[in-house]
Structure formats: C-alpha cells, structure tokens
Amino acid sequence: MTPEFRQKAITICDGKIAKQGPGVGLSFYAFFKNRNDDPELLMQVARWWIETHQLDHFEKAVKIRDMIHSAA
C-alpha cells in the first residue's frame, strides 16, 4: 500500500472509532467509494487483507488501524 493510502485508511479507521466506538468493525471496502475507480489499489488492499493476513470480512477498526501503523 502506498503511504498516502495508509494514511487515508488510518484516518477512516479513526473516524469510525470516534463515531461508533472501539468495537466498530469494517471491511476493506470501507476505504473505497461505491465505485471501482482504482482497481489496482482495490486488489492490492484485498490481497493485503485476505491473502497476507487472512482476515475475516469484517474486522475491528482498532485492529486494522494498529496493523497498518505497525506495517509502515
């Protein structure tokens, strides 16, 4: 993932946590608009989520944020 996307994902996680609390879950689709305007990035994030880390469809935003921070 690009540094720009990592920051965007962290910001989205932080926003969801602030609005809905630390137990809020999300999928990797939360980082994208409802249209596929960047298929390469979508697939890169899907591989990171599914293949690399074998995460469930929904995971805690806190967990994802911390994973992205530690991978930077």
C-alpha atoms as a PDB file:
ATOM      1  CA  MET A   1       0.000   0.000   0.000  1.00  0.00           C
ATOM      2  CA  THR A   2       1.155   3.485  -0.733  1.00  0.00           C
ATOM      3  CA  PRO A   3       1.936   5.854   2.149  1.00  0.00           C
ATOM      4  CA  GLU A   4      -0.967   8.046   1.015  1.00  0.00           C
ATOM      5  CA  PHE A   5      -3.390   5.140   1.137  1.00  0.00           C
ATOM      6  CA  ARG A   6      -2.085   4.019   4.536  1.00  0.00           C
ATOM      7  CA  GLN A   7      -2.793   7.488   5.919  1.00  0.00           C
ATOM      8  CA  LYS A   8      -6.250   7.523   4.319  1.00  0.00           C
ATOM      9  CA  ALA A   9      -7.057   4.110   5.846  1.00  0.00           C
ATOM     10  CA  ILE A  10      -5.867   5.219   9.299  1.00  0.00           C
ATOM     11  CA  THR A  11      -7.987   8.365   9.029  1.00  0.00           C
ATOM     12  CA  ILE A  12     -11.047   6.314   8.065  1.00  0.00           C
ATOM     13  CA  CYS A  13     -10.460   3.903  10.958  1.00  0.00           C
ATOM     14  CA  ASP A  14     -10.019   6.793  13.395  1.00  0.00           C
ATOM     15  CA  GLY A  15     -13.227   8.400  12.139  1.00  0.00           C
ATOM     16  CA  LYS A  16     -15.272   5.239  12.517  1.00  0.00           C
ATOM     17  CA  ILE A  17     -13.839   4.613  16.002  1.00  0.00           C
ATOM     18  CA  ALA A  18     -14.621   8.201  17.045  1.00  0.00           C
ATOM     19  CA  LYS A  19     -18.219   7.950  15.782  1.00  0.00           C
ATOM     20  CA  GLN A  20     -19.091   4.383  16.767  1.00  0.00           C
ATOM     21  CA  GLY A  21     -16.640   3.372  19.471  1.00  0.00           C
ATOM     22  CA  PRO A  22     -13.689   0.977  19.676  1.00  0.00           C
ATOM     23  CA  GLY A  23     -15.813  -2.081  18.916  1.00  0.00           C
ATOM     24  CA  VAL A  24     -16.789  -0.928  15.424  1.00  0.00           C
ATOM     25  CA  GLY A  25     -15.983  -3.303  12.596  1.00  0.00           C
ATOM     26  CA  LEU A  26     -15.243  -2.609   8.965  1.00  0.00           C
ATOM     27  CA  SER A  27     -14.293  -4.357   5.761  1.00  0.00           C
ATOM     28  CA  PHE A  28     -11.645  -3.277   3.287  1.00  0.00           C
ATOM     29  CA  TYR A  29     -14.450  -1.822   1.181  1.00  0.00           C
ATOM     30  CA  ALA A  30     -14.752   0.945   3.801  1.00  0.00           C
ATOM     31  CA  PHE A  31     -11.634   2.506   2.282  1.00  0.00           C
ATOM     32  CA  PHE A  32     -13.188   2.893  -1.180  1.00  0.00           C
ATOM     33  CA  LYS A  33     -16.086   4.731  -2.772  1.00  0.00           C
ATOM     34  CA  ASN A  34     -19.057   2.745  -4.038  1.00  0.00           C
ATOM     35  CA  ARG A  35     -17.499   2.618  -7.464  1.00  0.00           C
ATOM     36  CA  ASN A  36     -14.349   0.926  -8.596  1.00  0.00           C
ATOM     37  CA  ASP A  37     -12.271   3.903  -9.701  1.00  0.00           C
ATOM     38  CA  ASP A  38      -8.885   2.381  -8.793  1.00  0.00           C
ATOM     39  CA  PRO A  39      -8.997  -1.395  -9.388  1.00  0.00           C
ATOM     40  CA  GLU A  40      -5.250  -1.878  -8.880  1.00  0.00           C
ATOM     41  CA  LEU A  41      -5.331  -0.322  -5.420  1.00  0.00           C
ATOM     42  CA  LEU A  42      -8.501  -2.228  -4.530  1.00  0.00           C
ATOM     43  CA  MET A  43      -6.811  -5.520  -5.445  1.00  0.00           C
ATOM     44  CA  GLN A  44      -3.654  -4.551  -3.555  1.00  0.00           C
ATOM     45  CA  VAL A  45      -5.669  -3.874  -0.404  1.00  0.00           C
ATOM     46  CA  ALA A  46      -7.750  -7.037  -0.929  1.00  0.00           C
ATOM     47  CA  ARG A  47      -4.546  -9.110  -1.167  1.00  0.00           C
ATOM     48  CA  TRP A  48      -3.170  -7.479   1.993  1.00  0.00           C
ATOM     49  CA  TRP A  49      -6.452  -8.146   3.831  1.00  0.00           C
ATOM     50  CA  ILE A  50      -7.309 -11.627   2.521  1.00  0.00           C
ATOM     51  CA  GLU A  51      -4.130 -13.345   1.360  1.00  0.00           C
ATOM     52  CA  THR A  52      -1.419 -11.785   3.508  1.00  0.00           C
ATOM     53  CA  HIS A  53      -3.266 -11.508   6.815  1.00  0.00           C
ATOM     54  CA  GLN A  54      -6.182 -13.934   6.276  1.00  0.00           C
ATOM     55  CA  LEU A  55      -8.588 -11.521   7.939  1.00  0.00           C
ATOM     56  CA  ASP A  56     -12.335 -12.054   8.160  1.00  0.00           C
ATOM     57  CA  HIS A  57     -14.641  -9.944   6.014  1.00  0.00           C
ATOM     58  CA  PHE A  58     -15.313  -7.636   8.977  1.00  0.00           C
ATOM     59  CA  GLU A  59     -12.590  -6.778  11.479  1.00  0.00           C
ATOM     60  CA  LYS A  60     -12.340  -4.266  14.307  1.00  0.00           C
ATOM     61  CA  ALA A  61     -11.246  -0.856  13.061  1.00  0.00           C
ATOM     62  CA  VAL A  62      -8.824  -0.619  16.001  1.00  0.00           C
ATOM     63  CA  LYS A  63      -7.114  -3.844  14.898  1.00  0.00           C
ATOM     64  CA  ILE A  64      -6.805  -2.715  11.276  1.00  0.00           C
ATOM     65  CA  ARG A  65      -5.511   0.728  12.261  1.00  0.00           C
ATOM     66  CA  ASP A  66      -2.876  -0.846  14.508  1.00  0.00           C
ATOM     67  CA  MET A  67      -1.836  -3.316  11.793  1.00  0.00           C
ATOM     68  CA  ILE A  68      -1.425  -0.510   9.273  1.00  0.00           C
ATOM     69  CA  HIS A  69       0.579   1.559  11.772  1.00  0.00           C
ATOM     70  CA  SER A  70       2.921  -1.350  12.512  1.00  0.00           C
ATOM     71  CA  ALA A  71       3.428  -2.134   8.804  1.00  0.00           C
ATOM     72  CA  ALA A  72       4.530   1.403   7.974  1.00  0.00           C
END
